[in-house]
PDB file of N, CA and C in Angstrom:
ATOM      1  N   UNK A   1       0.799  -1.184  -0.002  1.00  0.00           N
ATOM      2  CA  UNK A   1      -0.005   0.010   0.005  1.00  0.00           C
ATOM      3  C   UNK A   1       0.837   1.236  -0.031  1.00  0.00           C
ATOM      4  N   UNK A   2       1.957   1.242   0.803  1.00  0.00           N
ATOM      5  CA  UNK A   2       2.802   2.435   0.855  1.00  0.00           C
ATOM      6  C   UNK A   2       3.499   2.633  -0.477  1.00  0.00           C
ATOM      7  N   UNK A   3       3.846   1.592  -1.176  1.00  0.00           N
ATOM      8  CA  UNK A   3       4.509   1.645  -2.413  1.00  0.00           C
ATOM      9  C   UNK A   3       3.591   2.309  -3.446  1.00  0.00           C
ATOM     10  N   UNK A   4       2.308   1.877  -3.422  1.00  0.00           N
ATOM     11  CA  UNK A   4       1.328   2.430  -4.363  1.00  0.00           C
ATOM     12  C   UNK A   4       1.136   3.956  -4.137  1.00  0.00           C
ATOM     13  N   UNK A   5       1.105   4.361  -2.936  1.00  0.00           N
ATOM     14  CA  UNK A   5       0.874   5.791  -2.574  1.00  0.00           C
ATOM     15  C   UNK A   5       2.078   6.576  -2.970  1.00  0.00           C
ATOM     16  N   UNK A   6       3.344   6.031  -2.718  1.00  0.00           N
ATOM     17  CA  UNK A   6       4.518   6.715  -3.174  1.00  0.00           C
ATOM     18  C   UNK A   6       4.621   6.799  -4.678  1.00  0.00           C
ATOM     19  N   UNK A   7       4.250   5.775  -5.368  1.00  0.00           N
ATOM     20  CA  UNK A   7       4.236   5.784  -6.869  1.00  0.00           C
ATOM     21  C   UNK A   7       3.304   6.842  -7.355  1.00  0.00           C
ATOM     22  N   UNK A   8       2.119   6.874  -6.764  1.00  0.00           N
ATOM     23  CA  UNK A   8       1.102   7.791  -7.244  1.00  0.00           C
ATOM     24  C   UNK A   8       1.584   9.255  -6.999  1.00  0.00           C
ATOM     25  N   UNK A   9       2.186   9.558  -5.808  1.00  0.00           N
ATOM     26  CA  UNK A   9       2.692  10.834  -5.576  1.00  0.00           C
ATOM     27  C   UNK A   9       3.775  11.191  -6.479  1.00  0.00           C
ATOM     28  N   UNK A  10       4.686  10.261  -6.813  1.00  0.00           N
ATOM     29  CA  UNK A  10       5.758  10.548  -7.744  1.00  0.00           C
ATOM     30  C   UNK A  10       5.186  10.791  -9.181  1.00  0.00           C
ATOM     31  N   UNK A  11       4.176  10.046  -9.507  1.00  0.00           N
ATOM     32  CA  UNK A  11       3.546  10.275 -10.824  1.00  0.00           C
ATOM     33  C   UNK A  11       2.871  11.651 -10.876  1.00  0.00           C
ATOM     34  N   UNK A  12       2.195  12.099  -9.926  1.00  0.00           N
ATOM     35  CA  UNK A  12       1.568  13.395  -9.897  1.00  0.00           C
ATOM     36  C   UNK A  12       2.640  14.498  -9.943  1.00  0.00           C
ATOM     37  N   UNK A  13       3.772  14.317  -9.227  1.00  0.00           N
ATOM     38  CA  UNK A  13       4.829  15.318  -9.256  1.00  0.00           C
ATOM     39  C   UNK A  13       5.418  15.450 -10.648  1.00  0.00           C
ATOM     40  N   UNK A  14       5.607  14.320 -11.374  1.00  0.00           N
ATOM     41  CA  UNK A  14       6.133  14.373 -12.721  1.00  0.00           C
ATOM     42  C   UNK A  14       5.189  15.035 -13.680  1.00  0.00           C
ATOM     43  N   UNK A  15       3.901  14.805 -13.540  1.00  0.00           N
ATOM     44  CA  UNK A  15       2.933  15.418 -14.377  1.00  0.00           C
ATOM     45  C   UNK A  15       2.870  16.971 -14.159  1.00  0.00           C
ATOM     46  N   UNK A  16       2.941  17.391 -12.924  1.00  0.00           N
ATOM     47  CA  UNK A  16       2.983  18.764 -12.569  1.00  0.00           C
ATOM     48  C   UNK A  16       4.243  19.474 -13.239  1.00  0.00           C
ATOM     49  N   UNK A  17       5.367  18.848 -13.074  1.00  0.00           N
ATOM     50  CA  UNK A  17       6.594  19.416 -13.623  1.00  0.00           C
ATOM     51  C   UNK A  17       6.527  19.584 -15.115  1.00  0.00           C
ATOM     52  N   UNK A  18       5.964  18.521 -15.816  1.00  0.00           N
ATOM     53  CA  UNK A  18       5.870  18.623 -17.266  1.00  0.00           C
ATOM     54  C   UNK A  18       4.894  19.674 -17.686  1.00  0.00           C
ATOM     55  N   UNK A  19       3.892  19.915 -16.974  1.00  0.00           N
ATOM     56  CA  UNK A  19       2.898  20.988 -17.332  1.00  0.00           C
ATOM     57  C   UNK A  19       3.521  22.365 -17.070  1.00  0.00           C
ATOM     58  N   UNK A  20       4.233  22.445 -15.981  1.00  0.00           N
ATOM     59  CA  UNK A  20       4.889  23.748 -15.688  1.00  0.00           C
ATOM     60  C   UNK A  20       5.929  24.100 -16.725  1.00  0.00           C
ATOM     61  N   UNK A  21       6.633  23.158 -17.264  1.00  0.00           N
ATOM     62  CA  UNK A  21       7.681  23.485 -18.235  1.00  0.00           C
ATOM     63  C   UNK A  21       7.034  23.953 -19.568  1.00  0.00           C
ATOM     64  N   UNK A  22       5.915  23.435 -19.925  1.00  0.00           N
ATOM     65  CA  UNK A  22       5.297  23.762 -21.145  1.00  0.00           C
ATOM     66  C   UNK A  22       4.466  25.091 -21.176  1.00  0.00           C
ATOM     67  N   UNK A  23       4.373  25.708 -20.035  1.00  0.00           N
ATOM     68  CA  UNK A  23       3.514  26.904 -19.939  1.00  0.00           C
ATOM     69  C   UNK A  23       4.036  28.106 -20.693  1.00  0.00           C
ATOM     70  N   UNK A  24       5.351  28.171 -20.954  1.00  0.00           N
ATOM     71  CA  UNK A  24       5.934  29.355 -21.618  1.00  0.00           C
ATOM     72  C   UNK A  24       6.103  29.118 -23.118  1.00  0.00           C
ATOM     73  N   UNK A  25       5.468  28.186 -23.632  1.00  0.00           N
ATOM     74  CA  UNK A  25       5.697  27.766 -25.047  1.00  0.00           C
ATOM     75  C   UNK A  25       5.367  28.887 -26.025  1.00  0.00           C
ATOM     76  N   UNK A  26       4.375  29.739 -25.696  1.00  0.00           N
ATOM     77  CA  UNK A  26       3.939  30.792 -26.636  1.00  0.00           C
ATOM     78  C   UNK A  26       4.178  32.175 -26.061  1.00  0.00           C
ATOM     79  N   UNK A  27       5.115  32.377 -25.145  1.00  0.00           N
ATOM     80  CA  UNK A  27       5.359  33.661 -24.544  1.00  0.00           C
ATOM     81  C   UNK A  27       6.677  34.222 -24.941  1.00  0.00           C
ATOM     82  N   UNK A  28       6.726  35.557 -25.060  1.00  0.00           N
ATOM     83  CA  UNK A  28       8.048  36.246 -25.327  1.00  0.00           C
ATOM     84  C   UNK A  28       8.798  36.261 -24.001  1.00  0.00           C
ATOM     85  N   UNK A  29      10.086  35.996 -24.096  1.00  0.00           N
ATOM     86  CA  UNK A  29      10.952  35.947 -22.892  1.00  0.00           C
ATOM     87  C   UNK A  29      11.941  37.193 -23.016  1.00  0.00           C
ATOM     88  N   UNK A  30      11.956  37.944 -24.093  1.00  0.00           N
ATOM     89  CA  UNK A  30      12.831  39.050 -24.210  1.00  0.00           C
ATOM     90  C   UNK A  30      12.400  39.888 -25.407  1.00  0.00           C
ATOM     91  N   UNK A  31      13.090  40.998 -25.676  1.00  0.00           N
ATOM     92  CA  UNK A  31      12.764  41.945 -26.704  1.00  0.00           C
ATOM     93  C   UNK A  31      13.963  42.008 -27.712  1.00  0.00           C
ATOM     94  N   UNK A  32      13.637  42.356 -28.972  1.00  0.00           N
ATOM     95  CA  UNK A  32      14.647  42.777 -29.905  1.00  0.00           C
ATOM     96  C   UNK A  32      14.829  44.280 -29.750  1.00  0.00           C
ATOM     97  N   UNK A  33      16.029  44.666 -30.021  1.00  0.00           N
ATOM     98  CA  UNK A  33      16.379  46.165 -29.824  1.00  0.00           C
ATOM     99  C   UNK A  33      15.941  46.970 -31.096  1.00  0.00           C
ATOM    100  N   UNK A  34      16.083  46.373 -32.270  1.00  0.00           N
ATOM    101  CA  UNK A  34      15.808  46.950 -33.557  1.00  0.00           C
ATOM    102  C   UNK A  34      15.362  45.909 -34.544  1.00  0.00           C
ATOM    103  N   UNK A  35      14.783  46.384 -35.618  1.00  0.00           N
ATOM    104  CA  UNK A  35      14.458  45.456 -36.775  1.00  0.00           C
ATOM    105  C   UNK A  35      14.958  46.079 -38.066  1.00  0.00           C
ATOM    106  N   UNK A  36      15.441  45.245 -38.897  1.00  0.00           N
ATOM    107  CA  UNK A  36      15.957  45.691 -40.179  1.00  0.00           C
ATOM    108  C   UNK A  36      14.757  46.093 -41.015  1.00  0.00           C
ATOM    109  N   UNK A  37      14.954  46.950 -42.037  1.00  0.00           N
ATOM    110  CA  UNK A  37      13.852  47.451 -42.846  1.00  0.00           C
ATOM    111  C   UNK A  37      13.240  46.247 -43.657  1.00  0.00           C
ATOM    112  N   UNK A  38      13.968  45.340 -44.035  1.00  0.00           N
ATOM    113  CA  UNK A  38      13.383  44.093 -44.766  1.00  0.00           C
ATOM    114  C   UNK A  38      12.423  43.416 -43.816  1.00  0.00           C
ATOM    115  N   UNK A  39      12.796  43.210 -42.612  1.00  0.00           N
ATOM    116  CA  UNK A  39      11.877  42.504 -41.654  1.00  0.00           C
ATOM    117  C   UNK A  39      10.613  43.344 -41.395  1.00  0.00           C
ATOM    118  N   UNK A  40      10.766  44.663 -41.344  1.00  0.00           N
ATOM    119  CA  UNK A  40       9.659  45.559 -41.104  1.00  0.00           C
ATOM    120  C   UNK A  40       8.588  45.423 -42.255  1.00  0.00           C
ATOM    121  N   UNK A  41       9.150  45.313 -43.501  1.00  0.00           N
ATOM    122  CA  UNK A  41       8.265  45.163 -44.635  1.00  0.00           C
ATOM    123  C   UNK A  41       7.519  43.805 -44.654  1.00  0.00           C
ATOM    124  N   UNK A  42       8.114  42.848 -44.047  1.00  0.00           N
ATOM    125  CA  UNK A  42       7.535  41.465 -44.020  1.00  0.00           C
ATOM    126  C   UNK A  42       6.591  41.190 -42.861  1.00  0.00           C
ATOM    127  N   UNK A  43       6.246  42.185 -42.111  1.00  0.00           N
ATOM    128  CA  UNK A  43       5.285  41.973 -40.984  1.00  0.00           C
ATOM    129  C   UNK A  43       3.875  41.903 -41.554  1.00  0.00           C
ATOM    130  N   UNK A  44       3.141  40.827 -41.157  1.00  0.00           N
ATOM    131  CA  UNK A  44       1.792  40.678 -41.580  1.00  0.00           C
ATOM    132  C   UNK A  44       0.825  41.276 -40.621  1.00  0.00           C
ATOM    133  N   UNK A  45       1.055  41.070 -39.316  1.00  0.00           N
ATOM    134  CA  UNK A  45       0.208  41.482 -38.272  1.00  0.00           C
ATOM    135  C   UNK A  45       0.955  41.509 -36.930  1.00  0.00           C
ATOM    136  N   UNK A  46       0.206  41.924 -35.877  1.00  0.00           N
ATOM    137  CA  UNK A  46       0.804  41.862 -34.555  1.00  0.00           C
ATOM    138  C   UNK A  46      -0.300  41.518 -33.530  1.00  0.00           C
ATOM    139  N   UNK A  47       0.164  41.191 -32.332  1.00  0.00           N
ATOM    140  CA  UNK A  47      -0.758  40.979 -31.247  1.00  0.00           C
ATOM    141  C   UNK A  47      -0.018  41.500 -29.957  1.00  0.00           C
ATOM    142  N   UNK A  48      -0.815  41.830 -28.988  1.00  0.00           N
ATOM    143  CA  UNK A  48      -0.267  42.292 -27.711  1.00  0.00           C
ATOM    144  C   UNK A  48      -0.151  41.059 -26.724  1.00  0.00           C
ATOM    145  N   UNK A  49       0.959  40.887 -26.095  1.00  0.00           N
ATOM    146  CA  UNK A  49       1.150  39.954 -25.035  1.00  0.00           C
ATOM    147  C   UNK A  49       1.071  40.622 -23.758  1.00  0.00           C
ATOM    148  N   UNK A  50       0.067  40.271 -22.905  1.00  0.00           N
ATOM    149  CA  UNK A  50      -0.080  40.900 -21.631  1.00  0.00           C
ATOM    150  C   UNK A  50       0.576  40.057 -20.514  1.00  0.00           C
ATOM    151  N   UNK A  51       0.644  40.548 -19.322  1.00  0.00           N
ATOM    152  CA  UNK A  51       1.336  39.841 -18.248  1.00  0.00           C
ATOM    153  C   UNK A  51       0.357  38.933 -17.487  1.00  0.00           C
ATOM    154  N   UNK A  52      -0.847  38.691 -18.018  1.00  0.00           N
ATOM    155  CA  UNK A  52      -1.709  37.800 -17.269  1.00  0.00           C
ATOM    156  C   UNK A  52      -1.523  36.332 -17.734  1.00  0.00           C
ATOM    157  N   UNK A  53      -1.995  35.442 -17.004  1.00  0.00           N
ATOM    158  CA  UNK A  53      -1.849  34.011 -17.358  1.00  0.00           C
ATOM    159  C   UNK A  53      -0.385  33.538 -17.170  1.00  0.00           C
ATOM    160  N   UNK A  54       0.125  32.835 -18.190  1.00  0.00           N
ATOM    161  CA  UNK A  54       1.413  32.229 -18.070  1.00  0.00           C
ATOM    162  C   UNK A  54       2.591  33.160 -18.410  1.00  0.00           C
ATOM    163  N   UNK A  55       2.323  34.249 -19.129  1.00  0.00           N
ATOM    164  CA  UNK A  55       3.383  35.093 -19.630  1.00  0.00           C
ATOM    165  C   UNK A  55       3.628  36.238 -18.610  1.00  0.00           C
ATOM    166  N   UNK A  56       4.936  36.518 -18.329  1.00  0.00           N
ATOM    167  CA  UNK A  56       5.142  37.560 -17.335  1.00  0.00           C
ATOM    168  C   UNK A  56       5.986  38.786 -18.042  1.00  0.00           C
ATOM    169  N   UNK A  57       5.780  38.932 -19.267  1.00  0.00           N
ATOM    170  CA  UNK A  57       6.435  40.071 -19.898  1.00  0.00           C
ATOM    171  C   UNK A  57       5.489  40.697 -20.922  1.00  0.00           C
ATOM    172  N   UNK A  58       5.204  41.982 -20.734  1.00  0.00           N
ATOM    173  CA  UNK A  58       4.355  42.683 -21.680  1.00  0.00           C
ATOM    174  C   UNK A  58       5.119  42.957 -22.935  1.00  0.00           C
ATOM    175  N   UNK A  59       4.544  42.598 -24.122  1.00  0.00           N
ATOM    176  CA  UNK A  59       5.270  42.657 -25.338  1.00  0.00           C
ATOM    177  C   UNK A  59       4.312  42.840 -26.531  1.00  0.00           C
ATOM    178  N   UNK A  60       4.887  43.341 -27.677  1.00  0.00           N
ATOM    179  CA  UNK A  60       4.200  43.355 -28.963  1.00  0.00           C
ATOM    180  C   UNK A  60       4.821  42.263 -29.744  1.00  0.00           C
ATOM    181  N   UNK A  61       3.965  41.281 -30.183  1.00  0.00           N
ATOM    182  CA  UNK A  61       4.470  40.114 -30.949  1.00  0.00           C
ATOM    183  C   UNK A  61       4.100  40.368 -32.398  1.00  0.00           C
ATOM    184  N   UNK A  62       5.167  40.619 -33.261  1.00  0.00           N
ATOM    185  CA  UNK A  62       4.948  40.808 -34.654  1.00  0.00           C
ATOM    186  C   UNK A  62       5.049  39.513 -35.342  1.00  0.00           C
ATOM    187  N   UNK A  63       4.093  39.240 -36.283  1.00  0.00           N
ATOM    188  CA  UNK A  63       4.067  38.037 -37.082  1.00  0.00           C
ATOM    189  C   UNK A  63       4.619  38.313 -38.413  1.00  0.00           C
ATOM    190  N   UNK A  64       5.679  37.668 -38.833  1.00  0.00           N
ATOM    191  CA  UNK A  64       6.345  37.908 -40.118  1.00  0.00           C
ATOM    192  C   UNK A  64       5.802  36.931 -41.139  1.00  0.00           C
ATOM    193  N   UNK A  65       5.811  37.293 -42.388  1.00  0.00           N
ATOM    194  CA  UNK A  65       5.361  36.425 -43.442  1.00  0.00           C
ATOM    195  C   UNK A  65       6.158  35.137 -43.439  1.00  0.00           C
ATOM    196  N   UNK A  66       5.480  34.105 -43.787  1.00  0.00           N
ATOM    197  CA  UNK A  66       6.087  32.764 -43.853  1.00  0.00           C
ATOM    198  C   UNK A  66       6.909  32.677 -45.161  1.00  0.00           C
ATOM    199  N   UNK A  67       8.125  32.162 -44.959  1.00  0.00           N
ATOM    200  CA  UNK A  67       9.077  31.949 -46.146  1.00  0.00           C
ATOM    201  C   UNK A  67       8.820  30.500 -46.610  1.00  0.00           C
ATOM    202  N   UNK A  68       9.222  30.249 -47.813  1.00  0.00           N
ATOM    203  CA  UNK A  68       9.071  28.905 -48.387  1.00  0.00           C
ATOM    204  C   UNK A  68       9.854  27.877 -47.587  1.00  0.00           C
ATOM    205  N   UNK A  69      10.920  28.212 -46.965  1.00  0.00           N
ATOM    206  CA  UNK A  69      11.703  27.251 -46.243  1.00  0.00           C
ATOM    207  C   UNK A  69      11.313  27.043 -44.783  1.00  0.00           C
ATOM    208  N   UNK A  70      10.323  27.813 -44.364  1.00  0.00           N
ATOM    209  CA  UNK A  70       9.901  27.699 -42.984  1.00  0.00           C
ATOM    210  C   UNK A  70       8.596  26.883 -42.859  1.00  0.00           C
ATOM    211  N   UNK A  71       8.482  26.124 -41.723  1.00  0.00           N
ATOM    212  CA  UNK A  71       7.299  25.410 -41.500  1.00  0.00           C
ATOM    213  C   UNK A  71       6.106  26.261 -40.992  1.00  0.00           C
ATOM    214  N   UNK A  72       6.488  27.329 -40.240  1.00  0.00           N
ATOM    215  CA  UNK A  72       5.509  28.246 -39.714  1.00  0.00           C
ATOM    216  C   UNK A  72       6.045  29.682 -39.696  1.00  0.00           C
ATOM    217  N   UNK A  73       5.192  30.680 -39.684  1.00  0.00           N
ATOM    218  CA  UNK A  73       5.681  32.093 -39.671  1.00  0.00           C
ATOM    219  C   UNK A  73       6.490  32.378 -38.457  1.00  0.00           C
ATOM    220  N   UNK A  74       7.414  33.298 -38.549  1.00  0.00           N
ATOM    221  CA  UNK A  74       8.271  33.717 -37.490  1.00  0.00           C
ATOM    222  C   UNK A  74       7.622  34.859 -36.695  1.00  0.00           C
ATOM    223  N   UNK A  75       8.010  34.889 -35.454  1.00  0.00           N
ATOM    224  CA  UNK A  75       7.465  35.977 -34.623  1.00  0.00           C
ATOM    225  C   UNK A  75       8.700  36.765 -34.019  1.00  0.00           C
ATOM    226  N   UNK A  76       8.438  38.053 -33.764  1.00  0.00           N
ATOM    227  CA  UNK A  76       9.459  38.912 -33.179  1.00  0.00           C
ATOM    228  C   UNK A  76       8.812  39.657 -32.055  1.00  0.00           C
ATOM    229  N   UNK A  77       9.422  39.700 -30.867  1.00  0.00           N
ATOM    230  CA  UNK A  77       8.916  40.320 -29.691  1.00  0.00           C
ATOM    231  C   UNK A  77       9.616  41.736 -29.489  1.00  0.00           C
ATOM    232  N   UNK A  78       8.765  42.723 -29.212  1.00  0.00           N
ATOM    233  CA  UNK A  78       9.319  44.082 -29.082  1.00  0.00           C
ATOM    234  C   UNK A  78       8.744  44.712 -27.909  1.00  0.00           C
ATOM    235  N   UNK A  79       9.414  45.737 -27.315  1.00  0.00           N
ATOM    236  CA  UNK A  79       8.962  46.463 -26.117  1.00  0.00           C
ATOM    237  C   UNK A  79       7.898  47.458 -26.556  1.00  0.00           C
ATOM    238  N   UNK A  80       6.671  47.327 -26.096  1.00  0.00           N
ATOM    239  CA  UNK A  80       5.624  48.265 -26.498  1.00  0.00           C
ATOM    240  C   UNK A  80       5.783  49.695 -26.108  1.00  0.00           C
ATOM    241  N   UNK A  81       6.733  49.962 -25.128  1.00  0.00           N
ATOM    242  CA  UNK A  81       6.988  51.342 -24.640  1.00  0.00           C
ATOM    243  C   UNK A  81       7.910  52.110 -25.577  1.00  0.00           C
ATOM    244  N   UNK A  82       8.631  51.381 -26.509  1.00  0.00           N
ATOM    245  CA  UNK A  82       9.556  52.040 -27.398  1.00  0.00           C
ATOM    246  C   UNK A  82       8.802  52.753 -28.498  1.00  0.00           C
ATOM    247  N   UNK A  83       9.326  53.959 -28.863  1.00  0.00           N
ATOM    248  CA  UNK A  83       8.663  54.795 -29.869  1.00  0.00           C
ATOM    249  C   UNK A  83       8.639  54.031 -31.288  1.00  0.00           C
ATOM    250  N   UNK A  84       9.773  53.444 -31.656  1.00  0.00           N
ATOM    251  CA  UNK A  84       9.786  52.787 -32.982  1.00  0.00           C
ATOM    252  C   UNK A  84       8.825  51.633 -33.036  1.00  0.00           C
ATOM    253  N   UNK A  85       8.503  51.004 -31.928  1.00  0.00           N
ATOM    254  CA  UNK A  85       7.537  49.889 -31.906  1.00  0.00           C
ATOM    255  C   UNK A  85       6.120  50.462 -32.118  1.00  0.00           C
ATOM    256  N   UNK A  86       5.788  51.522 -31.492  1.00  0.00           N
ATOM    257  CA  UNK A  86       4.512  52.126 -31.607  1.00  0.00           C
ATOM    258  C   UNK A  86       4.275  52.600 -33.052  1.00  0.00           C
ATOM    259  N   UNK A  87       5.342  53.179 -33.671  1.00  0.00           N
ATOM    260  CA  UNK A  87       5.250  53.682 -35.053  1.00  0.00           C
ATOM    261  C   UNK A  87       5.047  52.451 -35.957  1.00  0.00           C
ATOM    262  N   UNK A  88       5.752  51.424 -35.714  1.00  0.00           N
ATOM    263  CA  UNK A  88       5.597  50.220 -36.549  1.00  0.00           C
ATOM    264  C   UNK A  88       4.194  49.570 -36.409  1.00  0.00           C
ATOM    265  N   UNK A  89       3.616  49.666 -35.214  1.00  0.00           N
ATOM    266  CA  UNK A  89       2.329  49.127 -35.012  1.00  0.00           C
ATOM    267  C   UNK A  89       1.322  49.949 -35.849  1.00  0.00           C
ATOM    268  N   UNK A  90       1.474  51.248 -35.894  1.00  0.00           N
ATOM    269  CA  UNK A  90       0.586  52.130 -36.693  1.00  0.00           C
ATOM    270  C   UNK A  90       0.706  51.795 -38.161  1.00  0.00           C
ATOM    271  N   UNK A  91       1.981  51.577 -38.632  1.00  0.00           N
ATOM    272  CA  UNK A  91       2.269  51.259 -40.002  1.00  0.00           C
ATOM    273  C   UNK A  91       1.536  49.955 -40.412  1.00  0.00           C
ATOM    274  N   UNK A  92       1.661  48.930 -39.558  1.00  0.00           N
ATOM    275  CA  UNK A  92       1.092  47.631 -39.854  1.00  0.00           C
ATOM    276  C   UNK A  92      -0.399  47.792 -39.853  1.00  0.00           C
ATOM    277  N   UNK A  93      -1.036  48.531 -38.925  1.00  0.00           N
ATOM    278  CA  UNK A  93      -2.435  48.814 -38.899  1.00  0.00           C
ATOM    279  C   UNK A  93      -2.927  49.434 -40.222  1.00  0.00           C
ATOM    280  N   UNK A  94      -2.200  50.503 -40.725  1.00  0.00           N
ATOM    281  CA  UNK A  94      -2.534  51.170 -41.969  1.00  0.00           C
ATOM    282  C   UNK A  94      -2.432  50.206 -43.135  1.00  0.00           C
ATOM    283  N   UNK A  95      -1.438  49.292 -43.103  1.00  0.00           N
ATOM    284  CA  UNK A  95      -1.249  48.377 -44.215  1.00  0.00           C
ATOM    285  C   UNK A  95      -2.345  47.373 -44.233  1.00  0.00           C
ATOM    286  N   UNK A  96      -2.838  46.931 -43.052  1.00  0.00           N
ATOM    287  CA  UNK A  96      -3.927  45.977 -42.939  1.00  0.00           C
ATOM    288  C   UNK A  96      -5.253  46.628 -43.357  1.00  0.00           C
ATOM    289  N   UNK A  97      -5.459  47.857 -43.049  1.00  0.00           N
ATOM    290  CA  UNK A  97      -6.672  48.584 -43.486  1.00  0.00           C
ATOM    291  C   UNK A  97      -6.650  48.713 -45.023  1.00  0.00           C
ATOM    292  N   UNK A  98      -5.518  49.017 -45.604  1.00  0.00           N
ATOM    293  CA  UNK A  98      -5.464  49.174 -47.071  1.00  0.00           C
ATOM    294  C   UNK A  98      -5.787  47.872 -47.816  1.00  0.00           C
ATOM    295  N   UNK A  99      -5.450  46.719 -47.228  1.00  0.00           N
ATOM    296  CA  UNK A  99      -5.729  45.443 -47.847  1.00  0.00           C
ATOM    297  C   UNK A  99      -7.218  45.180 -47.896  1.00  0.00           C
ATOM    298  N   UNK A 100      -7.904  45.643 -46.886  1.00  0.00           N
ATOM    299  CA  UNK A 100      -9.377  45.351 -46.787  1.00  0.00           C
ATOM    300  C   UNK A 100     -10.183  46.384 -47.495  1.00  0.00           C
TER     301      UNK A 100
END
């Protein structure tokens, strides 16, 4: 009986640890300082990452166009308090409005 309880406790601990490690899979952990002009032209959209839930860093996540050699589109994280980031957000919004 003691062995079963110990095994069950160990199993629950392992499950908890694996869930805790996977919680930052879609979060920005740092910022880029600048972006090249070519990368700025390849931005399709952006989203805001807030500090609620699993993510502990407020960021703007820019989604870059998918290249033929990539399996999925790239993302770039930037500081929303920087002036160049705010200007880039406006540019992307205007570009998205022009498409519609």
